[in-house]
Amino acid sequence: MRKVKNLRKARFRAALALTGHTQDSWAAQEGIAPSMLSQVLDGKRENEAVMAKVEAFTEKHVKAVAAA
């Protein structure tokens, strides 16, 4: 399970870099507290709504690069 979380976090960070966002700016845009996002990404808290937003954002931007 640890590798899955680390991969998810790495893919999310790659998507942030592709879009010019920081973790904090993305969290603010999505209405998520930066500390909540950090805790969810680190596996310290569970929040399905936050993870759904993270995964949707990641998939959208990582797939766009893979298709290019």
PDB file of N, CA and C in Angstrom:
ATOM      1  N   MET A   1       0.824  -1.192   0.000  1.00  0.00           N
ATOM      2  CA  MET A   1       0.000   0.000   0.000  1.00  0.00           C
ATOM      3  C   MET A   1       0.865   1.252   0.000  1.00  0.00           C
ATOM      4  N   ARG A   2       1.997   1.202   0.636  1.00  0.00           N
ATOM      5  CA  ARG A   2       2.874   2.367   0.727  1.00  0.00           C
ATOM      6  C   ARG A   2       3.342   2.817  -0.655  1.00  0.00           C
ATOM      7  N   LYS A   3       3.695   1.854  -1.525  1.00  0.00           N
ATOM      8  CA  LYS A   3       4.159   2.196  -2.857  1.00  0.00           C
ATOM      9  C   LYS A   3       3.060   2.874  -3.661  1.00  0.00           C
ATOM     10  N   VAL A   4       1.825   2.435  -3.487  1.00  0.00           N
ATOM     11  CA  VAL A   4       0.703   3.042  -4.203  1.00  0.00           C
ATOM     12  C   VAL A   4       0.552   4.498  -3.793  1.00  0.00           C
ATOM     13  N   LYS A   5       0.633   4.788  -2.505  1.00  0.00           N
ATOM     14  CA  LYS A   5       0.520   6.160  -2.026  1.00  0.00           C
ATOM     15  C   LYS A   5       1.670   7.014  -2.538  1.00  0.00           C
ATOM     16  N   ASN A   6       2.881   6.462  -2.530  1.00  0.00           N
ATOM     17  CA  ASN A   6       4.034   7.217  -3.010  1.00  0.00           C
ATOM     18  C   ASN A   6       3.914   7.492  -4.507  1.00  0.00           C
ATOM     19  N   LEU A   7       3.435   6.515  -5.268  1.00  0.00           N
ATOM     20  CA  LEU A   7       3.237   6.701  -6.701  1.00  0.00           C
ATOM     21  C   LEU A   7       2.153   7.748  -6.951  1.00  0.00           C
ATOM     22  N   ARG A   8       1.072   7.677  -6.206  1.00  0.00           N
ATOM     23  CA  ARG A   8      -0.008   8.646  -6.343  1.00  0.00           C
ATOM     24  C   ARG A   8       0.498  10.059  -6.069  1.00  0.00           C
ATOM     25  N   LYS A   9       1.273  10.203  -5.021  1.00  0.00           N
ATOM     26  CA  LYS A   9       1.822  11.521  -4.665  1.00  0.00           C
ATOM     27  C   LYS A   9       2.789  12.011  -5.736  1.00  0.00           C
ATOM     28  N   ALA A  10       3.626  11.127  -6.256  1.00  0.00           N
ATOM     29  CA  ALA A  10       4.585  11.505  -7.293  1.00  0.00           C
ATOM     30  C   ALA A  10       3.870  11.926  -8.571  1.00  0.00           C
ATOM     31  N   ARG A  11       2.827  11.195  -8.949  1.00  0.00           N
ATOM     32  CA  ARG A  11       2.063  11.558 -10.148  1.00  0.00           C
ATOM     33  C   ARG A  11       1.355  12.890  -9.953  1.00  0.00           C
ATOM     34  N   PHE A  12       0.830  13.120  -8.759  1.00  0.00           N
ATOM     35  CA  PHE A  12       0.162  14.383  -8.464  1.00  0.00           C
ATOM     36  C   PHE A  12       1.164  15.534  -8.570  1.00  0.00           C
ATOM     37  N   ARG A  13       2.337  15.350  -8.011  1.00  0.00           N
ATOM     38  CA  ARG A  13       3.361  16.398  -8.082  1.00  0.00           C
ATOM     39  C   ARG A  13       3.793  16.659  -9.521  1.00  0.00           C
ATOM     40  N   ALA A  14       3.843  15.615 -10.335  1.00  0.00           N
ATOM     41  CA  ALA A  14       4.178  15.796 -11.749  1.00  0.00           C
ATOM     42  C   ALA A  14       3.093  16.611 -12.442  1.00  0.00           C
ATOM     43  N   ALA A  15       1.840  16.315 -12.145  1.00  0.00           N
ATOM     44  CA  ALA A  15       0.728  17.072 -12.736  1.00  0.00           C
ATOM     45  C   ALA A  15       0.774  18.527 -12.286  1.00  0.00           C
ATOM     46  N   LEU A  16       1.117  18.758 -11.032  1.00  0.00           N
ATOM     47  CA  LEU A  16       1.264  20.138 -10.549  1.00  0.00           C
ATOM     48  C   LEU A  16       2.344  20.863 -11.340  1.00  0.00           C
ATOM     49  N   ALA A  17       3.464  20.208 -11.550  1.00  0.00           N
ATOM     50  CA  ALA A  17       4.570  20.824 -12.280  1.00  0.00           C
ATOM     51  C   ALA A  17       4.163  21.129 -13.721  1.00  0.00           C
ATOM     52  N   LEU A  18       3.430  20.228 -14.324  1.00  0.00           N
ATOM     53  CA  LEU A  18       2.987  20.435 -15.703  1.00  0.00           C
ATOM     54  C   LEU A  18       2.065  21.646 -15.839  1.00  0.00           C
ATOM     55  N   THR A  19       1.307  21.926 -14.791  1.00  0.00           N
ATOM     56  CA  THR A  19       0.332  23.014 -14.854  1.00  0.00           C
ATOM     57  C   THR A  19       0.835  24.292 -14.207  1.00  0.00           C
ATOM     58  N   GLY A  20       2.018  24.256 -13.611  1.00  0.00           N
ATOM     59  CA  GLY A  20       2.568  25.451 -12.982  1.00  0.00           C
ATOM     60  C   GLY A  20       1.970  25.757 -11.615  1.00  0.00           C
ATOM     61  N   HIS A  21       1.284  24.785 -11.045  1.00  0.00           N
ATOM     62  CA  HIS A  21       0.700  24.968  -9.714  1.00  0.00           C
ATOM     63  C   HIS A  21       1.677  24.516  -8.644  1.00  0.00           C
ATOM     64  N   THR A  22       1.465  25.027  -7.454  1.00  0.00           N
ATOM     65  CA  THR A  22       2.097  24.464  -6.266  1.00  0.00           C
ATOM     66  C   THR A  22       1.016  23.667  -5.558  1.00  0.00           C
ATOM     67  N   GLN A  23       1.410  22.861  -4.624  1.00  0.00           N
ATOM     68  CA  GLN A  23       0.427  22.096  -3.862  1.00  0.00           C
ATOM     69  C   GLN A  23      -0.536  23.041  -3.150  1.00  0.00           C
ATOM     70  N   ASP A  24       0.001  24.123  -2.584  1.00  0.00           N
ATOM     71  CA  ASP A  24      -0.838  25.084  -1.869  1.00  0.00           C
ATOM     72  C   ASP A  24      -1.782  25.839  -2.799  1.00  0.00           C
ATOM     73  N   SER A  25      -1.296  26.238  -3.979  1.00  0.00           N
ATOM     74  CA  SER A  25      -2.164  26.983  -4.893  1.00  0.00           C
ATOM     75  C   SER A  25      -3.280  26.090  -5.423  1.00  0.00           C
ATOM     76  N   TRP A  26      -2.962  24.845  -5.698  1.00  0.00           N
ATOM     77  CA  TRP A  26      -3.981  23.911  -6.172  1.00  0.00           C
ATOM     78  C   TRP A  26      -5.024  23.666  -5.086  1.00  0.00           C
ATOM     79  N   ALA A  27      -4.564  23.470  -3.852  1.00  0.00           N
ATOM     80  CA  ALA A  27      -5.492  23.246  -2.737  1.00  0.00           C
ATOM     81  C   ALA A  27      -6.428  24.439  -2.580  1.00  0.00           C
ATOM     82  N   ALA A  28      -5.891  25.645  -2.646  1.00  0.00           N
ATOM     83  CA  ALA A  28      -6.717  26.842  -2.512  1.00  0.00           C
ATOM     84  C   ALA A  28      -7.749  26.921  -3.632  1.00  0.00           C
ATOM     85  N   GLN A  29      -7.332  26.611  -4.839  1.00  0.00           N
ATOM     86  CA  GLN A  29      -8.237  26.632  -5.989  1.00  0.00           C
ATOM     87  C   GLN A  29      -9.375  25.629  -5.812  1.00  0.00           C
ATOM     88  N   GLU A  30      -9.079  24.496  -5.200  1.00  0.00           N
ATOM     89  CA  GLU A  30     -10.069  23.441  -5.012  1.00  0.00           C
ATOM     90  C   GLU A  30     -10.861  23.571  -3.713  1.00  0.00           C
ATOM     91  N   GLY A  31     -10.524  24.571  -2.901  1.00  0.00           N
ATOM     92  CA  GLY A  31     -11.230  24.758  -1.638  1.00  0.00           C
ATOM     93  C   GLY A  31     -10.852  23.745  -0.570  1.00  0.00           C
ATOM     94  N   ILE A  32      -9.617  23.299  -0.636  1.00  0.00           N
ATOM     95  CA  ILE A  32      -9.105  22.309   0.313  1.00  0.00           C
ATOM     96  C   ILE A  32      -8.019  22.976   1.144  1.00  0.00           C
ATOM     97  N   ALA A  33      -8.035  22.749   2.432  1.00  0.00           N
ATOM     98  CA  ALA A  33      -6.973  23.276   3.283  1.00  0.00           C
ATOM     99  C   ALA A  33      -5.660  22.597   2.897  1.00  0.00           C
ATOM    100  N   PRO A  34      -4.596  23.380   2.718  1.00  0.00           N
ATOM    101  CA  PRO A  34      -3.305  22.782   2.344  1.00  0.00           C
ATOM    102  C   PRO A  34      -2.836  21.691   3.314  1.00  0.00           C
ATOM    103  N   SER A  35      -3.096  21.884   4.586  1.00  0.00           N
ATOM    104  CA  SER A  35      -2.680  20.868   5.563  1.00  0.00           C
ATOM    105  C   SER A  35      -3.468  19.575   5.378  1.00  0.00           C
ATOM    106  N   MET A  36      -4.746  19.680   5.027  1.00  0.00           N
ATOM    107  CA  MET A  36      -5.569  18.495   4.769  1.00  0.00           C
ATOM    108  C   MET A  36      -5.032  17.740   3.555  1.00  0.00           C
ATOM    109  N   LEU A  37      -4.734  18.488   2.491  1.00  0.00           N
ATOM    110  CA  LEU A  37      -4.198  17.858   1.286  1.00  0.00           C
ATOM    111  C   LEU A  37      -2.899  17.132   1.597  1.00  0.00           C
ATOM    112  N   SER A  38      -2.030  17.779   2.316  1.00  0.00           N
ATOM    113  CA  SER A  38      -0.756  17.170   2.667  1.00  0.00           C
ATOM    114  C   SER A  38      -0.942  15.893   3.472  1.00  0.00           C
ATOM    115  N   GLN A  39      -1.828  15.934   4.436  1.00  0.00           N
ATOM    116  CA  GLN A  39      -2.073  14.755   5.270  1.00  0.00           C
ATOM    117  C   GLN A  39      -2.688  13.612   4.469  1.00  0.00           C
ATOM    118  N   VAL A  40      -3.575  13.939   3.554  1.00  0.00           N
ATOM    119  CA  VAL A  40      -4.190  12.904   2.719  1.00  0.00           C
ATOM    120  C   VAL A  40      -3.135  12.292   1.800  1.00  0.00           C
ATOM    121  N   LEU A  41      -2.320  13.125   1.177  1.00  0.00           N
ATOM    122  CA  LEU A  41      -1.282  12.607   0.288  1.00  0.00           C
ATOM    123  C   LEU A  41      -0.253  11.758   1.033  1.00  0.00           C
ATOM    124  N   ASP A  42       0.012  12.109   2.277  1.00  0.00           N
ATOM    125  CA  ASP A  42       0.973  11.346   3.085  1.00  0.00           C
ATOM    126  C   ASP A  42       0.356  10.110   3.731  1.00  0.00           C
ATOM    127  N   GLY A  43      -0.950   9.925   3.560  1.00  0.00           N
ATOM    128  CA  GLY A  43      -1.617   8.761   4.132  1.00  0.00           C
ATOM    129  C   GLY A  43      -1.916   8.884   5.608  1.00  0.00           C
ATOM    130  N   LYS A  44      -1.834  10.089   6.147  1.00  0.00           N
ATOM    131  CA  LYS A  44      -2.100  10.294   7.569  1.00  0.00           C
ATOM    132  C   LYS A  44      -3.589  10.500   7.847  1.00  0.00           C
ATOM    133  N   ARG A  45      -4.345  10.885   6.809  1.00  0.00           N
ATOM    134  CA  ARG A  45      -5.794  11.050   6.917  1.00  0.00           C
ATOM    135  C   ARG A  45      -6.432  10.468   5.674  1.00  0.00           C
ATOM    136  N   GLU A  46      -7.671  10.064   5.816  1.00  0.00           N
ATOM    137  CA  GLU A  46      -8.422   9.571   4.669  1.00  0.00           C
ATOM    138  C   GLU A  46      -9.550  10.545   4.381  1.00  0.00           C
ATOM    139  N   ASN A  47      -9.693  10.899   3.117  1.00  0.00           N
ATOM    140  CA  ASN A  47     -10.774  11.772   2.686  1.00  0.00           C
ATOM    141  C   ASN A  47     -11.049  11.444   1.224  1.00  0.00           C
ATOM    142  N   GLU A  48     -12.157  10.770   0.980  1.00  0.00           N
ATOM    143  CA  GLU A  48     -12.463  10.320  -0.372  1.00  0.00           C
ATOM    144  C   GLU A  48     -12.681  11.476  -1.333  1.00  0.00           C
ATOM    145  N   ALA A  49     -13.279  12.558  -0.871  1.00  0.00           N
ATOM    146  CA  ALA A  49     -13.533  13.704  -1.747  1.00  0.00           C
ATOM    147  C   ALA A  49     -12.221  14.332  -2.210  1.00  0.00           C
ATOM    148  N   VAL A  50     -11.288  14.473  -1.298  1.00  0.00           N
ATOM    149  CA  VAL A  50      -9.983  15.046  -1.654  1.00  0.00           C
ATOM    150  C   VAL A  50      -9.258  14.113  -2.610  1.00  0.00           C
ATOM    151  N   MET A  51      -9.254  12.824  -2.327  1.00  0.00           N
ATOM    152  CA  MET A  51      -8.570  11.877  -3.201  1.00  0.00           C
ATOM    153  C   MET A  51      -9.201  11.845  -4.583  1.00  0.00           C
ATOM    154  N   ALA A  52     -10.505  11.985  -4.666  1.00  0.00           N
ATOM    155  CA  ALA A  52     -11.170  12.006  -5.966  1.00  0.00           C
ATOM    156  C   ALA A  52     -10.708  13.214  -6.778  1.00  0.00           C
ATOM    157  N   LYS A  53     -10.583  14.361  -6.137  1.00  0.00           N
ATOM    158  CA  LYS A  53     -10.109  15.566  -6.828  1.00  0.00           C
ATOM    159  C   LYS A  53      -8.654  15.405  -7.263  1.00  0.00           C
ATOM    160  N   VAL A  54      -7.831  14.853  -6.391  1.00  0.00           N
ATOM    161  CA  VAL A  54      -6.420  14.633  -6.710  1.00  0.00           C
ATOM    162  C   VAL A  54      -6.293  13.694  -7.906  1.00  0.00           C
ATOM    163  N   GLU A  55      -7.030  12.595  -7.870  1.00  0.00           N
ATOM    164  CA  GLU A  55      -6.925  11.614  -8.938  1.00  0.00           C
ATOM    165  C   GLU A  55      -7.466  12.151 -10.258  1.00  0.00           C
ATOM    166  N   ALA A  56      -8.556  12.909 -10.222  1.00  0.00           N
ATOM    167  CA  ALA A  56      -9.108  13.489 -11.456  1.00  0.00           C
ATOM    168  C   ALA A  56      -8.121  14.468 -12.073  1.00  0.00           C
ATOM    169  N   PHE A  57      -7.536  15.317 -11.250  1.00  0.00           N
ATOM    170  CA  PHE A  57      -6.548  16.296 -11.718  1.00  0.00           C
ATOM    171  C   PHE A  57      -5.333  15.583 -12.296  1.00  0.00           C
ATOM    172  N   THR A  58      -4.842  14.599 -11.588  1.00  0.00           N
ATOM    173  CA  THR A  58      -3.656  13.865 -12.017  1.00  0.00           C
ATOM    174  C   THR A  58      -3.915  13.161 -13.343  1.00  0.00           C
ATOM    175  N   GLU A  59      -5.010  12.434 -13.424  1.00  0.00           N
ATOM    176  CA  GLU A  59      -5.321  11.705 -14.649  1.00  0.00           C
ATOM    177  C   GLU A  59      -5.453  12.632 -15.842  1.00  0.00           C
ATOM    178  N   LYS A  60      -6.115  13.749 -15.654  1.00  0.00           N
ATOM    179  CA  LYS A  60      -6.317  14.702 -16.741  1.00  0.00           C
ATOM    180  C   LYS A  60      -4.980  15.181 -17.316  1.00  0.00           C
ATOM    181  N   HIS A  61      -4.061  15.528 -16.457  1.00  0.00           N
ATOM    182  CA  HIS A  61      -2.815  16.126 -16.927  1.00  0.00           C
ATOM    183  C   HIS A  61      -1.739  15.093 -17.282  1.00  0.00           C
ATOM    184  N   VAL A  62      -1.686  13.995 -16.595  1.00  0.00           N
ATOM    185  CA  VAL A  62      -0.692  12.973 -16.914  1.00  0.00           C
ATOM    186  C   VAL A  62      -1.078  12.269 -18.223  1.00  0.00           C
ATOM    187  N   LYS A  63      -2.370  12.010 -18.431  1.00  0.00           N
ATOM    188  CA  LYS A  63      -2.812  11.393 -19.682  1.00  0.00           C
ATOM    189  C   LYS A  63      -2.538  12.298 -20.873  1.00  0.00           C
ATOM    190  N   ALA A  64      -2.700  13.596 -20.691  1.00  0.00           N
ATOM    191  CA  ALA A  64      -2.456  14.544 -21.781  1.00  0.00           C
ATOM    192  C   ALA A  64      -1.008  14.468 -22.239  1.00  0.00           C
ATOM    193  N   VAL A  65      -0.089  14.304 -21.308  1.00  0.00           N
ATOM    194  CA  VAL A  65       1.331  14.199 -21.653  1.00  0.00           C
ATOM    195  C   VAL A  65       1.606  12.850 -22.308  1.00  0.00           C
ATOM    196  N   ALA A  66       1.007  11.796 -21.799  1.00  0.00           N
ATOM    197  CA  ALA A  66       1.228  10.461 -22.354  1.00  0.00           C
ATOM    198  C   ALA A  66       0.701  10.363 -23.788  1.00  0.00           C
ATOM    199  N   ALA A  67      -0.378  11.088 -24.083  1.00  0.00           N
ATOM    200  CA  ALA A  67      -0.977  11.047 -25.412  1.00  0.00           C
ATOM    201  C   ALA A  67      -0.182  11.860 -26.427  1.00  0.00           C
ATOM    202  N   ALA A  68       0.593  12.802 -25.936  1.00  0.00           N
ATOM    203  CA  ALA A  68       1.325  13.698 -26.852  1.00  0.00           C
ATOM    204  C   ALA A  68       2.525  13.047 -27.474  1.00  0.00           C
TER     205      ALA A  68
END
